[in-house]
C-alpha cells in the first residue's frame, strides 16, 4: 500500500515531470534533454518501487492525453511510459536487493537498460507501422544522450543531498526515519 508521504513525493515529482517538458520545449530542447525523465527517474530513489513505477507509467500517458506531448502516434507516450516504469521499478528493486550499490552505478545501469528497452519497443512499433525498423530503433538508441548525461550529473547529487543515498528496508512497525521515504 502506498503511504501518504509517497503520495506527496509522487505528486511533486509527477507535477515536475508534467511542467519541465513545457519549459524545455519553449527553448526547443525537449527531445534532447528528456525533461520528463529527470523527475520520474529521480522519484525511484525517494519512494518504494510500486509507487515510482506507477507514477512513471501514468505521467507520460496523462501528459500525452492532456497536452499532446509526448504524442500517442507515433507511439512515443506508450513507449516512454513503459520505459520509465521499467527503469523506476528496476531502480527500486535493485536498491532493495543491493542497498549499498552506489547511486550513480544503479542509475547508469537503469538508464542503459531503459535505452535498450526504448529502442526495442520502437523497433517493434516501426515494424507494425511498416517503417524502417532498424533506422527508427537506431535513432531512438542514440537520441537523448545529453539528457542521460544531465540525469547522471543531477540525480546522484540530489539523492545524496537529501539523505536518500542508502535504502532503508521498510518495516511497517518501524518509525518513519527507517522507511525509504524518510
Protein backbone atom coordinates (compact mmCIF):
# COMPACT_ATOMS: atom_id res chain seq x y z
CA UNK A 1 0.00 0.00 0.00
CA UNK A 2 1.26 3.45 -0.89
CA UNK A 3 1.94 5.64 2.16
CA UNK A 4 0.81 9.29 2.42
CA UNK A 5 4.39 10.58 2.16
CA UNK A 6 4.84 8.55 -1.01
CA UNK A 7 1.71 10.17 -2.47
CA UNK A 8 3.27 13.55 -1.73
CA UNK A 9 6.57 12.61 -3.39
CA UNK A 10 4.77 11.08 -6.38
CA UNK A 11 2.60 14.19 -6.75
CA UNK A 12 5.56 16.56 -6.51
CA UNK A 13 7.80 14.64 -8.91
CA UNK A 14 4.85 13.88 -11.21
CA UNK A 15 3.99 17.59 -11.39
CA UNK A 16 7.62 18.40 -12.17
CA UNK A 17 7.52 15.77 -14.93
CA UNK A 18 4.48 17.50 -16.41
CA UNK A 19 5.92 21.04 -16.17
CA UNK A 20 9.59 20.59 -17.11
CA UNK A 21 8.89 19.46 -20.69
CA UNK A 22 6.88 22.63 -21.32
CA UNK A 23 9.82 24.78 -20.20
CA UNK A 24 12.34 22.77 -22.21
CA UNK A 25 10.14 22.77 -25.32
CA UNK A 26 9.91 26.57 -25.17
CA UNK A 27 13.67 26.52 -25.75
CA UNK A 28 13.40 23.69 -28.33
CA UNK A 29 15.42 21.39 -26.07
CA UNK A 30 12.75 18.88 -25.05
CA UNK A 31 13.75 15.97 -27.26
CA UNK A 32 17.44 16.49 -26.48
CA UNK A 33 17.35 16.64 -22.67
CA UNK A 34 14.38 14.33 -21.98
CA UNK A 35 12.98 16.59 -19.22
CA UNK A 36 10.11 14.25 -18.26
CA UNK A 37 12.63 11.53 -17.45
CA UNK A 38 14.59 13.57 -14.89
CA UNK A 39 11.95 13.79 -12.12
CA UNK A 40 10.42 10.37 -12.83
CA UNK A 41 13.75 8.55 -12.67
CA UNK A 42 14.76 10.56 -9.58
CA UNK A 43 11.47 9.63 -7.89
CA UNK A 44 12.59 5.98 -7.80
CA UNK A 45 15.22 6.94 -5.21
CA UNK A 46 12.64 8.52 -2.89
CA UNK A 47 9.73 6.05 -2.78
CA UNK A 48 9.18 2.31 -2.96
CA UNK A 49 9.23 0.53 -6.35
CA UNK A 50 5.46 0.19 -6.88
CA UNK A 51 4.77 3.88 -6.25
CA UNK A 52 7.56 5.12 -8.52
CA UNK A 53 6.76 2.62 -11.29
CA UNK A 54 3.05 3.51 -11.24
CA UNK A 55 3.80 7.23 -11.35
CA UNK A 56 6.33 6.73 -14.16
CA UNK A 57 3.77 4.69 -16.11
CA UNK A 58 0.91 7.17 -15.73
CA UNK A 59 2.57 10.59 -16.14
CA UNK A 60 3.64 10.25 -19.82
CA UNK A 61 0.18 8.90 -20.71
CA UNK A 62 -1.55 11.72 -18.82
CA UNK A 63 0.72 14.32 -20.40
CA UNK A 64 0.12 12.88 -23.86
CA UNK A 65 -3.65 12.90 -23.33
CA UNK A 66 -3.76 16.46 -21.94
CA UNK A 67 -1.04 18.29 -23.90
CA UNK A 68 -0.29 16.04 -26.86
CA UNK A 69 3.32 15.77 -25.64
CA UNK A 70 4.54 13.09 -25.91
CA UNK A 71 2.35 12.01 -28.82
CA UNK A 72 0.43 8.76 -29.00
CA UNK A 73 1.11 8.47 -32.74
CA UNK A 74 3.87 7.75 -33.42
CA UNK A 75 3.62 5.80 -30.13
CA UNK A 76 6.06 7.89 -28.12
CA UNK A 77 3.85 8.22 -25.00
CA UNK A 78 3.26 4.48 -24.53
CA UNK A 79 6.92 3.66 -25.21
CA UNK A 80 8.08 6.31 -22.72
CA UNK A 81 5.55 5.10 -20.15
CA UNK A 82 6.78 1.51 -20.35
CA UNK A 83 10.45 2.53 -20.40
CA UNK A 84 10.12 4.89 -17.43
CA UNK A 85 8.05 2.41 -15.41
CA UNK A 86 10.63 -0.32 -16.03
CA UNK A 87 13.52 1.96 -15.05
CA UNK A 88 11.74 3.09 -11.88
CA UNK A 89 10.89 -0.48 -10.93
CA UNK A 90 14.44 -1.62 -11.66
CA UNK A 91 15.96 1.14 -9.51
CA UNK A 92 13.61 0.37 -6.63
CA UNK A 93 14.10 -3.39 -6.74
CA UNK A 94 17.89 -3.13 -7.05
CA UNK A 95 18.02 -0.62 -4.19
CA UNK A 96 16.26 -3.19 -2.01
CA UNK A 97 18.35 -6.13 -3.23
CA UNK A 98 21.72 -4.33 -3.18
CA UNK A 99 21.26 -1.39 -0.77
CA UNK A 100 24.95 -0.43 -0.86
CA UNK A 101 25.15 -0.12 -4.66
CA UNK A 102 26.31 3.43 -5.45
CA UNK A 103 23.55 5.71 -6.74
CA UNK A 104 25.45 6.62 -9.92
CA UNK A 105 26.08 2.94 -10.73
CA UNK A 106 22.45 1.98 -10.22
CA UNK A 107 21.31 4.99 -12.24
CA UNK A 108 23.71 4.26 -15.12
CA UNK A 109 22.55 0.64 -15.26
CA UNK A 110 18.88 1.62 -15.26
CA UNK A 111 19.43 4.26 -17.96
CA UNK A 112 21.30 1.79 -20.19
CA UNK A 113 18.56 -0.84 -19.82
CA UNK A 114 15.93 1.85 -20.39
CA UNK A 115 17.53 2.95 -23.66
CA UNK A 116 17.71 -0.65 -24.87
CA UNK A 117 14.04 -1.20 -23.98
CA UNK A 118 13.13 2.08 -25.69
CA UNK A 119 14.94 1.10 -28.89
CA UNK A 120 13.39 -2.38 -28.81
CA UNK A 121 9.88 -1.01 -28.39
CA UNK A 122 10.41 1.49 -31.20
CA UNK A 123 11.75 -1.32 -33.39
CA UNK A 124 8.53 -3.30 -32.84
CA UNK A 125 6.36 -0.21 -33.38
CA UNK A 126 8.22 0.64 -36.60
CA UNK A 127 7.74 -2.89 -37.90
CA UNK A 128 4.00 -2.67 -37.18
CA UNK A 129 3.79 0.75 -38.84
CA UNK A 130 5.86 -0.52 -41.78
CA UNK A 131 8.68 1.97 -41.20
CA UNK A 132 12.41 1.22 -41.47
CA UNK A 133 12.66 -0.53 -38.10
CA UNK A 134 16.45 -0.66 -37.81
CA UNK A 135 16.77 3.05 -38.57
CA UNK A 136 14.00 4.03 -36.14
CA UNK A 137 15.45 1.86 -33.37
CA UNK A 138 18.97 3.18 -34.04
CA UNK A 139 17.85 6.80 -33.86
CA UNK A 140 15.95 6.00 -30.66
CA UNK A 141 19.02 4.36 -29.12
CA UNK A 142 21.27 7.29 -30.00
CA UNK A 143 18.88 10.12 -29.14
CA UNK A 144 18.73 11.77 -25.77
CA UNK A 145 22.38 11.36 -24.78
CA UNK A 146 22.51 14.92 -23.38
CA UNK A 147 19.50 14.02 -21.23
CA UNK A 148 21.21 10.89 -19.97
CA UNK A 149 24.28 12.93 -19.06
CA UNK A 150 22.07 15.51 -17.34
CA UNK A 151 20.44 12.78 -15.23
CA UNK A 152 23.82 11.28 -14.35
CA UNK A 153 25.03 14.74 -13.30
CA UNK A 154 21.94 15.81 -11.31
CA UNK A 155 20.25 12.78 -9.76
CA UNK A 156 23.13 11.34 -7.68
CA UNK A 157 23.78 14.77 -6.14
CA UNK A 158 20.08 15.25 -5.40
CA UNK A 159 19.81 11.83 -3.80
CA UNK A 160 22.92 12.37 -1.66
CA UNK A 161 21.96 15.94 -0.69
CA UNK A 162 18.56 14.81 0.57
CA UNK A 163 19.95 11.87 2.55
CA UNK A 164 18.34 9.16 0.42
CA UNK A 165 21.59 7.59 -0.81
CA UNK A 166 21.16 4.45 1.32
CA UNK A 167 17.99 2.43 1.00
CA UNK A 168 16.39 1.58 4.32
CA UNK A 169 14.29 -1.56 4.35
CA UNK A 170 10.70 -0.70 5.16
CA UNK A 171 9.31 -2.20 8.34
CA UNK A 172 5.64 -1.34 9.00
CA UNK A 173 6.33 -1.30 12.75
CA UNK A 174 9.39 0.97 12.42
CA UNK A 175 9.47 4.72 12.80
CA UNK A 176 9.30 6.92 9.70
CA UNK A 177 13.06 7.54 9.98
CA UNK A 178 13.69 3.97 8.77
CA UNK A 179 11.36 4.00 5.78
CA UNK A 180 12.57 4.63 2.22
CA UNK A 181 10.65 7.91 2.09
CA UNK A 182 12.07 9.46 5.25
